Each structure stands twice: as structure tokens, then as C-alpha cells.
Amino acid sequence: MDMNSFFSDLQGKINQAIDSSPAKDIEKNVKAMMTQGFSKLDLVTREEFDIQAQVLAKTRAKLEALEVRMAELETRLAEPAPPIKD
């Protein structure tokens, strides 16, 4: 018997023992309790968080561009007007 088949067989026996043990029921109950507890919290999914982070990054970039543009316009307004020729 080679090492790969030995470990595969061992893994299969461990999985079989866990599936037929009370540990599996405990795991299911803990997962159910945690899911129920998390559903009561005001949480967002990772996907929703990532989308909002992208929106925020775009908004910040637009804000920075507008701040630069505003500063340029304020500088122009602060400059004296050229004399009017008749």
C-alpha cells in the first residue's frame, strides 16, 4: 500500500467516524445558532462591502478632482481683470 492510498483510506475512515459521531450534530447545531445570531445583527456580505468600498473610492476621486478644479477657479477669480480696451 503506497502512502497516498494509506492517507486517503485514513481520511475516509476519519470522515466516516465524524459523520456517525455526535460531533457532527454539535457542528450542525453550532452553525445553526451562529447563522441565527448573525441574521439578527446588521451585517453586510463581503460582496456588498467590496461594492461600497469601490463606490467610495470613485466618490473620493471625483471629490479630489472637484477640489482641484475649485481651487483653479478661485485662483482665476482672485486675479485682477485685464483692462477693457475701447
Protein backbone atom coordinates (compact mmCIF):
# COMPACT_ATOMS: atom_id res chain seq x y z
CA MET A 1 0.00 0.00 0.00
CA ASP A 2 1.51 3.35 -1.01
CA MET A 3 1.37 6.47 1.18
CA ASN A 4 -1.30 8.24 -0.88
CA SER A 5 -3.77 5.39 -0.62
CA PHE A 6 -2.93 4.98 3.07
CA PHE A 7 -3.74 8.63 3.79
CA SER A 8 -6.84 8.54 1.57
CA ASP A 9 -8.08 5.47 3.42
CA LEU A 10 -7.28 7.08 6.78
CA GLN A 11 -9.08 10.27 5.78
CA GLY A 12 -12.12 8.26 4.66
CA LYS A 13 -12.26 6.40 7.97
CA ILE A 14 -11.92 9.65 9.96
CA ASN A 15 -14.68 11.30 7.92
CA GLN A 16 -16.89 8.27 8.39
CA ALA A 17 -16.27 8.32 12.15
CA ILE A 18 -17.04 12.03 12.36
CA ASP A 19 -20.21 11.66 10.27
CA SER A 20 -21.55 9.00 12.61
CA SER A 21 -20.48 10.75 15.83
CA PRO A 22 -22.26 13.34 17.96
CA ALA A 23 -19.62 15.84 16.85
CA LYS A 24 -21.43 16.22 13.51
CA ASP A 25 -24.69 17.06 15.29
CA ILE A 26 -22.91 19.56 17.51
CA GLU A 27 -21.34 21.17 14.46
CA LYS A 28 -24.74 21.47 12.76
CA ASN A 29 -26.31 22.95 15.89
CA VAL A 30 -23.50 25.46 16.36
CA LYS A 31 -23.72 26.52 12.71
CA ALA A 32 -27.49 26.96 13.03
CA MET A 33 -27.13 29.02 16.21
CA MET A 34 -24.43 31.20 14.67
CA THR A 35 -26.46 31.72 11.49
CA GLN A 36 -29.46 32.72 13.57
CA GLY A 37 -27.34 35.06 15.69
CA PHE A 38 -25.71 36.68 12.66
CA SER A 39 -29.09 37.19 11.00
CA LYS A 40 -30.14 39.35 13.96
CA LEU A 41 -27.10 41.59 13.50
CA ASP A 42 -26.97 44.34 10.91
CA LEU A 43 -24.21 42.77 8.82
CA VAL A 44 -23.39 43.03 5.13
CA THR A 45 -21.89 40.43 2.88
CA ARG A 46 -18.31 40.72 1.71
CA GLU A 47 -19.58 41.35 -1.82
CA GLU A 48 -21.74 44.27 -0.64
CA PHE A 49 -18.82 45.66 1.35
CA ASP A 50 -16.47 45.45 -1.64
CA ILE A 51 -19.02 47.19 -3.88
CA GLN A 52 -19.47 50.01 -1.38
CA ALA A 53 -15.69 50.34 -1.00
CA GLN A 54 -15.41 50.76 -4.79
CA VAL A 55 -18.20 53.36 -4.80
CA LEU A 56 -16.46 55.23 -2.00
CA ALA A 57 -13.12 55.17 -3.84
CA LYS A 58 -14.75 56.58 -7.01
CA THR A 59 -16.54 59.25 -4.99
CA ARG A 60 -13.29 60.26 -3.29
CA ALA A 61 -11.53 60.52 -6.65
CA LYS A 62 -14.33 62.73 -8.02
CA LEU A 63 -14.25 64.88 -4.89
CA GLU A 64 -10.49 65.36 -5.18
CA ALA A 65 -10.85 66.34 -8.85
CA LEU A 66 -13.59 68.83 -7.96
CA GLU A 67 -11.44 70.30 -5.18
CA VAL A 68 -8.59 70.86 -7.64
CA ARG A 69 -10.97 72.43 -10.16
CA MET A 70 -12.50 74.66 -7.48
CA ALA A 71 -9.05 75.84 -6.39
CA GLU A 72 -8.19 76.69 -10.01
CA LEU A 73 -11.43 78.65 -10.43
CA GLU A 74 -10.86 80.51 -7.15
CA THR A 75 -7.36 81.43 -8.31
CA ARG A 76 -8.73 82.75 -11.59
CA LEU A 77 -11.35 84.82 -9.80
CA ALA A 78 -8.72 86.27 -7.47
CA GLU A 79 -6.62 87.54 -10.41
CA PRO A 80 -7.24 91.13 -11.47
CA ALA A 81 -9.32 91.52 -14.60
CA PRO A 82 -7.50 92.71 -17.70
CA PRO A 83 -8.25 96.29 -18.70
CA ILE A 84 -11.06 96.80 -21.19
CA LYS A 85 -9.96 98.43 -24.46
CA ASP A 86 -12.28 100.71 -26.38
